[in-house]
Amino acid sequence: MAAASALTDHDAIRRWAEERNAKPACVKGAGNGRRPVIRLDLPGYSGEDGLEAISWDSWFEAFEESELALLVQERTKDGEPSNFNELVGRASVAG
């Protein structure tokens, strides 16, 4: 796998997602009335039935409350655009 980078800047995250037509979403039924369990919903992936759309404001609110970072890969090792992304604890990527 090509190198991944950690994003915390909201504009950079939104730009990365929008370049791939990914939408802010949360896991249906998760969170038990607390903050939502957030994901990026990428077209053509299996999240359709388990995710519901939310606003970017709600997504970033949960992102900050949970102190997350988004690991992303711009391109695969073959140079193709990559959709790889993973939400991780911000402290785990702090340098």
PDB file of N, CA and C in Angstrom:
ATOM      1  N   MET A   1       0.842  -1.175   0.000  1.00  0.00           N
ATOM      2  CA  MET A   1       0.000   0.000   0.000  1.00  0.00           C
ATOM      3  C   MET A   1       0.886   1.237   0.000  1.00  0.00           C
ATOM      4  N   ALA A   2       0.484   2.257  -0.727  1.00  0.00           N
ATOM      5  CA  ALA A   2       1.188   3.535  -0.725  1.00  0.00           C
ATOM      6  C   ALA A   2       0.976   4.198   0.632  1.00  0.00           C
ATOM      7  N   ALA A   3       1.815   5.156   0.949  1.00  0.00           N
ATOM      8  CA  ALA A   3       1.760   5.816   2.248  1.00  0.00           C
ATOM      9  C   ALA A   3       0.435   6.527   2.465  1.00  0.00           C
ATOM     10  N   ALA A   4      -0.018   6.498   3.709  1.00  0.00           N
ATOM     11  CA  ALA A   4      -1.227   7.219   4.102  1.00  0.00           C
ATOM     12  C   ALA A   4      -0.816   8.444   4.899  1.00  0.00           C
ATOM     13  N   SER A   5      -1.627   9.479   4.830  1.00  0.00           N
ATOM     14  CA  SER A   5      -1.369  10.673   5.626  1.00  0.00           C
ATOM     15  C   SER A   5      -2.571  10.940   6.514  1.00  0.00           C
ATOM     16  N   ALA A   6      -2.321  11.577   7.651  1.00  0.00           N
ATOM     17  CA  ALA A   6      -3.372  11.868   8.616  1.00  0.00           C
ATOM     18  C   ALA A   6      -3.879  13.292   8.412  1.00  0.00           C
ATOM     19  N   LEU A   7      -5.188  13.416   8.261  1.00  0.00           N
ATOM     20  CA  LEU A   7      -5.804  14.728   8.098  1.00  0.00           C
ATOM     21  C   LEU A   7      -6.641  15.070   9.322  1.00  0.00           C
ATOM     22  N   THR A   8      -6.516  16.316   9.771  1.00  0.00           N
ATOM     23  CA  THR A   8      -7.392  16.833  10.820  1.00  0.00           C
ATOM     24  C   THR A   8      -8.051  18.140  10.379  1.00  0.00           C
ATOM     25  N   ASP A   9      -7.506  18.780   9.355  1.00  0.00           N
ATOM     26  CA  ASP A   9      -8.054  20.026   8.839  1.00  0.00           C
ATOM     27  C   ASP A   9      -9.370  19.749   8.116  1.00  0.00           C
ATOM     28  N   HIS A  10     -10.418  20.452   8.527  1.00  0.00           N
ATOM     29  CA  HIS A  10     -11.751  20.203   7.972  1.00  0.00           C
ATOM     30  C   HIS A  10     -11.811  20.444   6.467  1.00  0.00           C
ATOM     31  N   ASP A  11     -11.184  21.499   5.991  1.00  0.00           N
ATOM     32  CA  ASP A  11     -11.208  21.784   4.552  1.00  0.00           C
ATOM     33  C   ASP A  11     -10.498  20.688   3.759  1.00  0.00           C
ATOM     34  N   ALA A  12      -9.373  20.208   4.279  1.00  0.00           N
ATOM     35  CA  ALA A  12      -8.625  19.149   3.590  1.00  0.00           C
ATOM     36  C   ALA A  12      -9.422  17.843   3.564  1.00  0.00           C
ATOM     37  N   ILE A  13     -10.093  17.528   4.662  1.00  0.00           N
ATOM     38  CA  ILE A  13     -10.912  16.308   4.722  1.00  0.00           C
ATOM     39  C   ILE A  13     -12.073  16.409   3.735  1.00  0.00           C
ATOM     40  N   ARG A  14     -12.740  17.526   3.767  1.00  0.00           N
ATOM     41  CA  ARG A  14     -13.894  17.697   2.875  1.00  0.00           C
ATOM     42  C   ARG A  14     -13.465  17.660   1.412  1.00  0.00           C
ATOM     43  N   ARG A  15     -12.345  18.283   1.096  1.00  0.00           N
ATOM     44  CA  ARG A  15     -11.829  18.273  -0.283  1.00  0.00           C
ATOM     45  C   ARG A  15     -11.506  16.841  -0.723  1.00  0.00           C
ATOM     46  N   TRP A  16     -10.798  16.072   0.150  1.00  0.00           N
ATOM     47  CA  TRP A  16     -10.458  14.683  -0.164  1.00  0.00           C
ATOM     48  C   TRP A  16     -11.743  13.884  -0.433  1.00  0.00           C
ATOM     49  N   ALA A  17     -12.735  14.044   0.449  1.00  0.00           N
ATOM     50  CA  ALA A  17     -13.990  13.298   0.311  1.00  0.00           C
ATOM     51  C   ALA A  17     -14.735  13.691  -0.963  1.00  0.00           C
ATOM     52  N   GLU A  18     -14.854  14.971  -1.218  1.00  0.00           N
ATOM     53  CA  GLU A  18     -15.622  15.427  -2.372  1.00  0.00           C
ATOM     54  C   GLU A  18     -14.963  15.026  -3.689  1.00  0.00           C
ATOM     55  N   GLU A  19     -13.637  14.932  -3.715  1.00  0.00           N
ATOM     56  CA  GLU A  19     -12.951  14.460  -4.924  1.00  0.00           C
ATOM     57  C   GLU A  19     -13.335  13.024  -5.265  1.00  0.00           C
ATOM     58  N   ARG A  20     -13.826  12.290  -4.268  1.00  0.00           N
ATOM     59  CA  ARG A  20     -14.201  10.884  -4.447  1.00  0.00           C
ATOM     60  C   ARG A  20     -15.713  10.673  -4.348  1.00  0.00           C
ATOM     61  N   ASN A  21     -16.447  11.770  -4.321  1.00  0.00           N
ATOM     62  CA  ASN A  21     -17.910  11.734  -4.187  1.00  0.00           C
ATOM     63  C   ASN A  21     -18.371  11.078  -2.893  1.00  0.00           C
ATOM     64  N   ALA A  22     -17.528  11.131  -1.862  1.00  0.00           N
ATOM     65  CA  ALA A  22     -17.890  10.589  -0.552  1.00  0.00           C
ATOM     66  C   ALA A  22     -18.735  11.611   0.202  1.00  0.00           C
ATOM     67  N   LYS A  23     -19.685  11.106   0.964  1.00  0.00           N
ATOM     68  CA  LYS A  23     -20.604  11.953   1.726  1.00  0.00           C
ATOM     69  C   LYS A  23     -20.456  11.665   3.213  1.00  0.00           C
ATOM     70  N   PRO A  24     -20.674  12.680   4.055  1.00  0.00           N
ATOM     71  CA  PRO A  24     -20.639  12.448   5.503  1.00  0.00           C
ATOM     72  C   PRO A  24     -21.819  11.575   5.913  1.00  0.00           C
ATOM     73  N   ALA A  25     -21.556  10.629   6.789  1.00  0.00           N
ATOM     74  CA  ALA A  25     -22.600   9.689   7.200  1.00  0.00           C
ATOM     75  C   ALA A  25     -22.325   9.216   8.617  1.00  0.00           C
ATOM     76  N   CYS A  26     -23.331   8.570   9.193  1.00  0.00           N
ATOM     77  CA  CYS A  26     -23.163   7.908  10.483  1.00  0.00           C
ATOM     78  C   CYS A  26     -23.773   6.518  10.383  1.00  0.00           C
ATOM     79  N   VAL A  27     -23.340   5.645  11.275  1.00  0.00           N
ATOM     80  CA  VAL A  27     -23.841   4.276  11.316  1.00  0.00           C
ATOM     81  C   VAL A  27     -25.245   4.303  11.916  1.00  0.00           C
ATOM     82  N   LYS A  28     -26.205   3.730  11.199  1.00  0.00           N
ATOM     83  CA  LYS A  28     -27.595   3.677  11.690  1.00  0.00           C
ATOM     84  C   LYS A  28     -27.661   2.921  13.005  1.00  0.00           C
ATOM     85  N   GLY A  29     -28.332   3.537  13.980  1.00  0.00           N
ATOM     86  CA  GLY A  29     -28.561   2.866  15.255  1.00  0.00           C
ATOM     87  C   GLY A  29     -27.377   2.844  16.197  1.00  0.00           C
ATOM     88  N   ALA A  30     -26.227   3.350  15.789  1.00  0.00           N
ATOM     89  CA  ALA A  30     -25.053   3.347  16.673  1.00  0.00           C
ATOM     90  C   ALA A  30     -24.982   4.670  17.415  1.00  0.00           C
ATOM     91  N   GLY A  31     -24.383   4.651  18.561  1.00  0.00           N
ATOM     92  CA  GLY A  31     -24.203   5.861  19.336  1.00  0.00           C
ATOM     93  C   GLY A  31     -25.131   5.964  20.526  1.00  0.00           C
ATOM     94  N   ASN A  32     -26.227   5.209  20.524  1.00  0.00           N
ATOM     95  CA  ASN A  32     -27.164   5.162  21.651  1.00  0.00           C
ATOM     96  C   ASN A  32     -27.525   6.546  22.197  1.00  0.00           C
ATOM     97  N   GLY A  33     -27.860   7.480  21.300  1.00  0.00           N
ATOM     98  CA  GLY A  33     -28.263   8.807  21.728  1.00  0.00           C
ATOM     99  C   GLY A  33     -27.111   9.744  22.027  1.00  0.00           C
ATOM    100  N   ARG A  34     -25.912   9.228  22.003  1.00  0.00           N
ATOM    101  CA  ARG A  34     -24.737  10.081  22.187  1.00  0.00           C
ATOM    102  C   ARG A  34     -24.256  10.517  20.827  1.00  0.00           C
ATOM    103  N   ARG A  35     -23.000  10.873  20.735  1.00  0.00           N
ATOM    104  CA  ARG A  35     -22.481  11.301  19.424  1.00  0.00           C
ATOM    105  C   ARG A  35     -22.544  10.149  18.437  1.00  0.00           C
ATOM    106  N   PRO A  36     -22.772  10.488  17.194  1.00  0.00           N
ATOM    107  CA  PRO A  36     -22.893   9.430  16.177  1.00  0.00           C
ATOM    108  C   PRO A  36     -21.551   8.767  15.873  1.00  0.00           C
ATOM    109  N   VAL A  37     -21.625   7.549  15.393  1.00  0.00           N
ATOM    110  CA  VAL A  37     -20.450   6.839  14.897  1.00  0.00           C
ATOM    111  C   VAL A  37     -20.335   7.221  13.429  1.00  0.00           C
ATOM    112  N   ILE A  38     -19.330   8.038  13.105  1.00  0.00           N
ATOM    113  CA  ILE A  38     -19.250   8.620  11.765  1.00  0.00           C
ATOM    114  C   ILE A  38     -18.429   7.784  10.802  1.00  0.00           C
ATOM    115  N   ARG A  39     -18.736   7.958   9.542  1.00  0.00           N
ATOM    116  CA  ARG A  39     -18.030   7.311   8.432  1.00  0.00           C
ATOM    117  C   ARG A  39     -18.103   8.244   7.233  1.00  0.00           C
ATOM    118  N   LEU A  40     -17.326   7.937   6.210  1.00  0.00           N
ATOM    119  CA  LEU A  40     -17.493   8.572   4.906  1.00  0.00           C
ATOM    120  C   LEU A  40     -18.148   7.534   4.001  1.00  0.00           C
ATOM    121  N   ASP A  41     -19.247   7.904   3.395  1.00  0.00           N
ATOM    122  CA  ASP A  41     -20.000   7.000   2.530  1.00  0.00           C
ATOM    123  C   ASP A  41     -19.529   7.189   1.098  1.00  0.00           C
ATOM    124  N   LEU A  42     -18.795   6.203   0.611  1.00  0.00           N
ATOM    125  CA  LEU A  42     -18.270   6.236  -0.754  1.00  0.00           C
ATOM    126  C   LEU A  42     -19.207   5.486  -1.689  1.00  0.00           C
ATOM    127  N   PRO A  43     -19.489   6.053  -2.867  1.00  0.00           N
ATOM    128  CA  PRO A  43     -20.388   5.372  -3.807  1.00  0.00           C
ATOM    129  C   PRO A  43     -19.847   4.004  -4.211  1.00  0.00           C
ATOM    130  N   GLY A  44     -20.762   3.032  -4.270  1.00  0.00           N
ATOM    131  CA  GLY A  44     -20.391   1.699  -4.719  1.00  0.00           C
ATOM    132  C   GLY A  44     -19.868   0.783  -3.629  1.00  0.00           C
ATOM    133  N   TYR A  45     -19.812   1.252  -2.393  1.00  0.00           N
ATOM    134  CA  TYR A  45     -19.352   0.407  -1.299  1.00  0.00           C
ATOM    135  C   TYR A  45     -20.547  -0.082  -0.505  1.00  0.00           C
ATOM    136  N   SER A  46     -20.337  -0.988   0.423  1.00  0.00           N
ATOM    137  CA  SER A  46     -21.429  -1.688   1.101  1.00  0.00           C
ATOM    138  C   SER A  46     -22.121  -0.889   2.199  1.00  0.00           C
ATOM    139  N   GLY A  47     -21.803   0.362   2.391  1.00  0.00           N
ATOM    140  CA  GLY A  47     -22.382   1.130   3.478  1.00  0.00           C
ATOM    141  C   GLY A  47     -23.802   1.587   3.270  1.00  0.00           C
ATOM    142  N   GLU A  48     -24.345   1.406   2.082  1.00  0.00           N
ATOM    143  CA  GLU A  48     -25.670   1.938   1.762  1.00  0.00           C
ATOM    144  C   GLU A  48     -26.739   1.560   2.775  1.00  0.00           C
ATOM    145  N   ASP A  49     -26.785   0.303   3.185  1.00  0.00           N
ATOM    146  CA  ASP A  49     -27.842  -0.143   4.088  1.00  0.00           C
ATOM    147  C   ASP A  49     -27.572   0.186   5.542  1.00  0.00           C
ATOM    148  N   GLY A  50     -26.312   0.361   5.905  1.00  0.00           N
ATOM    149  CA  GLY A  50     -25.976   0.576   7.304  1.00  0.00           C
ATOM    150  C   GLY A  50     -25.644   2.008   7.667  1.00  0.00           C
ATOM    151  N   LEU A  51     -25.659   2.908   6.683  1.00  0.00           N
ATOM    152  CA  LEU A  51     -25.295   4.298   6.946  1.00  0.00           C
ATOM    153  C   LEU A  51     -26.453   5.226   6.619  1.00  0.00           C
ATOM    154  N   GLU A  52     -26.475   6.357   7.323  1.00  0.00           N
ATOM    155  CA  GLU A  52     -27.425   7.406   6.973  1.00  0.00           C
ATOM    156  C   GLU A  52     -26.675   8.721   6.829  1.00  0.00           C
ATOM    157  N   ALA A  53     -27.133   9.518   5.889  1.00  0.00           N
ATOM    158  CA  ALA A  53     -26.474  10.792   5.601  1.00  0.00           C
ATOM    159  C   ALA A  53     -26.653  11.764   6.762  1.00  0.00           C
ATOM    160  N   ILE A  54     -25.597  12.537   7.033  1.00  0.00           N
ATOM    161  CA  ILE A  54     -25.661  13.626   8.001  1.00  0.00           C
ATOM    162  C   ILE A  54     -24.971  14.835   7.366  1.00  0.00           C
ATOM    163  N   SER A  55     -25.109  15.984   7.990  1.00  0.00           N
ATOM    164  CA  SER A  55     -24.477  17.196   7.468  1.00  0.00           C
ATOM    165  C   SER A  55     -22.980  17.180   7.783  1.00  0.00           C
ATOM    166  N   TRP A  56     -22.243  17.950   6.999  1.00  0.00           N
ATOM    167  CA  TRP A  56     -20.813  18.093   7.309  1.00  0.00           C
ATOM    168  C   TRP A  56     -20.635  18.696   8.694  1.00  0.00           C
ATOM    169  N   ASP A  57     -21.497  19.636   9.097  1.00  0.00           N
ATOM    170  CA  ASP A  57     -21.375  20.242  10.432  1.00  0.00           C
ATOM    171  C   ASP A  57     -21.497  19.180  11.525  1.00  0.00           C
ATOM    172  N   SER A  58     -22.486  18.300  11.400  1.00  0.00           N
ATOM    173  CA  SER A  58     -22.663  17.226  12.391  1.00  0.00           C
ATOM    174  C   SER A  58     -21.484  16.264  12.367  1.00  0.00           C
ATOM    175  N   TRP A  59     -21.008  15.951  11.163  1.00  0.00           N
ATOM    176  CA  TRP A  59     -19.874  15.027  11.024  1.00  0.00           C
ATOM    177  C   TRP A  59     -18.643  15.603  11.709  1.00  0.00           C
ATOM    178  N   PHE A  60     -18.340  16.871  11.435  1.00  0.00           N
ATOM    179  CA  PHE A  60     -17.151  17.480  12.035  1.00  0.00           C
ATOM    180  C   PHE A  60     -17.304  17.698  13.538  1.00  0.00           C
ATOM    181  N   GLU A  61     -18.523  17.916  14.013  1.00  0.00           N
ATOM    182  CA  GLU A  61     -18.744  18.034  15.449  1.00  0.00           C
ATOM    183  C   GLU A  61     -18.361  16.724  16.142  1.00  0.00           C
ATOM    184  N   ALA A  62     -18.838  15.602  15.610  1.00  0.00           N
ATOM    185  CA  ALA A  62     -18.492  14.295  16.177  1.00  0.00           C
ATOM    186  C   ALA A  62     -17.003  14.007  16.012  1.00  0.00           C
ATOM    187  N   PHE A  63     -16.435  14.398  14.886  1.00  0.00           N
ATOM    188  CA  PHE A  63     -15.009  14.220  14.607  1.00  0.00           C
ATOM    189  C   PHE A  63     -14.165  14.909  15.683  1.00  0.00           C
ATOM    190  N   GLU A  64     -14.519  16.149  16.008  1.00  0.00           N
ATOM    191  CA  GLU A  64     -13.762  16.905  17.016  1.00  0.00           C
ATOM    192  C   GLU A  64     -14.019  16.390  18.426  1.00  0.00           C
ATOM    193  N   GLU A  65     -15.277  16.083  18.757  1.00  0.00           N
ATOM    194  CA  GLU A  65     -15.595  15.570  20.094  1.00  0.00           C
ATOM    195  C   GLU A  65     -14.870  14.265  20.378  1.00  0.00           C
ATOM    196  N   SER A  66     -14.688  13.462  19.358  1.00  0.00           N
ATOM    197  CA  SER A  66     -14.019  12.170  19.517  1.00  0.00           C
ATOM    198  C   SER A  66     -12.511  12.266  19.327  1.00  0.00           C
ATOM    199  N   GLU A  67     -12.013  13.474  19.018  1.00  0.00           N
ATOM    200  CA  GLU A  67     -10.577  13.710  18.807  1.00  0.00           C
ATOM    201  C   GLU A  67     -10.010  12.728  17.785  1.00  0.00           C
ATOM    202  N   LEU A  68     -10.615  12.734  16.598  1.00  0.00           N
ATOM    203  CA  LEU A  68     -10.220  11.824  15.537  1.00  0.00           C
ATOM    204  C   LEU A  68      -9.303  12.485  14.518  1.00  0.00           C
ATOM    205  N   ALA A  69      -8.653  11.655  13.739  1.00  0.00           N
ATOM    206  CA  ALA A  69      -7.913  12.046  12.539  1.00  0.00           C
ATOM    207  C   ALA A  69      -8.378  11.096  11.441  1.00  0.00           C
ATOM    208  N   LEU A  70      -8.294  11.565  10.197  1.00  0.00           N
ATOM    209  CA  LEU A  70      -8.670  10.727   9.072  1.00  0.00           C
ATOM    210  C   LEU A  70      -7.415  10.340   8.312  1.00  0.00           C
ATOM    211  N   LEU A  71      -7.089   9.039   8.343  1.00  0.00           N
ATOM    212  CA  LEU A  71      -5.981   8.539   7.539  1.00  0.00           C
ATOM    213  C   LEU A  71      -6.488   8.354   6.117  1.00  0.00           C
ATOM    214  N   VAL A  72      -5.771   8.925   5.165  1.00  0.00           N
ATOM    215  CA  VAL A  72      -6.168   8.808   3.767  1.00  0.00           C
ATOM    216  C   VAL A  72      -4.968   8.448   2.913  1.00  0.00           C
ATOM    217  N   GLN A  73      -5.270   7.878   1.793  1.00  0.00           N
ATOM    218  CA  GLN A  73      -4.258   7.573   0.795  1.00  0.00           C
ATOM    219  C   GLN A  73      -4.696   8.292  -0.483  1.00  0.00           C
ATOM    220  N   GLU A  74      -3.828   9.095  -1.051  1.00  0.00           N
ATOM    221  CA  GLU A  74      -4.152   9.821  -2.276  1.00  0.00           C
ATOM    222  C   GLU A  74      -4.158   8.894  -3.483  1.00  0.00           C
ATOM    223  N   ARG A  75      -3.130   8.044  -3.578  1.00  0.00           N
ATOM    224  CA  ARG A  75      -2.985   7.161  -4.742  1.00  0.00           C
ATOM    225  C   ARG A  75      -2.526   5.786  -4.270  1.00  0.00           C
ATOM    226  N   THR A  76      -2.894   4.779  -5.035  1.00  0.00           N
ATOM    227  CA  THR A  76      -2.417   3.428  -4.769  1.00  0.00           C
ATOM    228  C   THR A  76      -0.957   3.336  -5.186  1.00  0.00           C
ATOM    229  N   LYS A  77      -0.312   2.226  -4.870  1.00  0.00           N
ATOM    230  CA  LYS A  77       1.083   2.059  -5.280  1.00  0.00           C
ATOM    231  C   LYS A  77       1.224   2.035  -6.798  1.00  0.00           C
ATOM    232  N   ASP A  78       0.125   1.754  -7.509  1.00  0.00           N
ATOM    233  CA  ASP A  78       0.132   1.751  -8.976  1.00  0.00           C
ATOM    234  C   ASP A  78      -0.191   3.115  -9.570  1.00  0.00           C
ATOM    235  N   GLY A  79      -0.405   4.118  -8.700  1.00  0.00           N
ATOM    236  CA  GLY A  79      -0.664   5.470  -9.172  1.00  0.00           C
ATOM    237  C   GLY A  79      -2.120   5.806  -9.424  1.00  0.00           C
ATOM    238  N   GLU A  80      -3.014   4.864  -9.143  1.00  0.00           N
ATOM    239  CA  GLU A  80      -4.445   5.109  -9.324  1.00  0.00           C
ATOM    240  C   GLU A  80      -4.994   5.879  -8.123  1.00  0.00           C
ATOM    241  N   PRO A  81      -6.049   6.670  -8.314  1.00  0.00           N
ATOM    242  CA  PRO A  81      -6.672   7.340  -7.167  1.00  0.00           C
ATOM    243  C   PRO A  81      -7.136   6.305  -6.145  1.00  0.00           C
ATOM    244  N   SER A  82      -6.930   6.597  -4.883  1.00  0.00           N
ATOM    245  CA  SER A  82      -7.279   5.668  -3.816  1.00  0.00           C
ATOM    246  C   SER A  82      -8.453   6.199  -3.002  1.00  0.00           C
ATOM    247  N   ASN A  83      -9.324   5.303  -2.583  1.00  0.00           N
ATOM    248  CA  ASN A  83     -10.432   5.642  -1.696  1.00  0.00           C
ATOM    249  C   ASN A  83     -10.135   5.247  -0.255  1.00  0.00           C
ATOM    250  N   PHE A  84      -8.926   4.726   0.005  1.00  0.00           N
ATOM    251  CA  PHE A  84      -8.616   4.274   1.363  1.00  0.00           C
ATOM    252  C   PHE A  84      -8.780   5.420   2.341  1.00  0.00           C
ATOM    253  N   ASN A  85      -9.527   5.163   3.414  1.00  0.00           N
ATOM    254  CA  ASN A  85      -9.647   6.109   4.522  1.00  0.00           C
ATOM    255  C   ASN A  85      -9.978   5.338   5.782  1.00  0.00           C
ATOM    256  N   GLU A  86      -9.509   5.858   6.891  1.00  0.00           N
ATOM    257  CA  GLU A  86      -9.765   5.222   8.185  1.00  0.00           C
ATOM    258  C   GLU A  86      -9.760   6.296   9.255  1.00  0.00           C
ATOM    259  N   LEU A  87     -10.779   6.295  10.090  1.00  0.00           N
ATOM    260  CA  LEU A  87     -10.830   7.207  11.222  1.00  0.00           C
ATOM    261  C   LEU A  87     -10.073   6.581  12.386  1.00  0.00           C
ATOM    262  N   VAL A  88      -9.159   7.348  12.958  1.00  0.00           N
ATOM    263  CA  VAL A  88      -8.337   6.859  14.066  1.00  0.00           C
ATOM    264  C   VAL A  88      -8.270   7.939  15.132  1.00  0.00           C
ATOM    265  N   GLY A  89      -7.884   7.544  16.324  1.00  0.00           N
ATOM    266  CA  GLY A  89      -7.675   8.512  17.391  1.00  0.00           C
ATOM    267  C   GLY A  89      -6.550   9.461  17.027  1.00  0.00           C
ATOM    268  N   ARG A  90      -6.774  10.732  17.244  1.00  0.00           N
ATOM    269  CA  ARG A  90      -5.777  11.749  16.894  1.00  0.00           C
ATOM    270  C   ARG A  90      -4.451  11.515  17.615  1.00  0.00           C
ATOM    271  N   ALA A  91      -4.525  11.068  18.859  1.00  0.00           N
ATOM    272  CA  ALA A  91      -3.293  10.840  19.623  1.00  0.00           C
ATOM    273  C   ALA A  91      -2.435   9.754  19.000  1.00  0.00           C
ATOM    274  N   SER A  92      -3.043   8.825  18.268  1.00  0.00           N
ATOM    275  CA  SER A  92      -2.270   7.733  17.672  1.00  0.00           C
ATOM    276  C   SER A  92      -1.427   8.177  16.487  1.00  0.00           C
ATOM    277  N   VAL A  93      -1.707   9.358  15.947  1.00  0.00           N
ATOM    278  CA  VAL A  93      -0.941   9.853  14.799  1.00  0.00           C
ATOM    279  C   VAL A  93      -0.192  11.141  15.114  1.00  0.00           C
ATOM    280  N   ALA A  94      -0.272  11.579  16.368  1.00  0.00           N
ATOM    281  CA  ALA A  94       0.422  12.816  16.753  1.00  0.00           C
ATOM    282  C   ALA A  94       1.920  12.611  16.666  1.00  0.00           C
ATOM    283  N   GLY A  95       2.578  13.584  16.086  1.00  0.00           N
ATOM    284  CA  GLY A  95       4.016  13.448  15.882  1.00  0.00           C
ATOM    285  C   GLY A  95       4.762  14.174  16.851  1.00  0.00           C
TER     286      GLY A  95
END
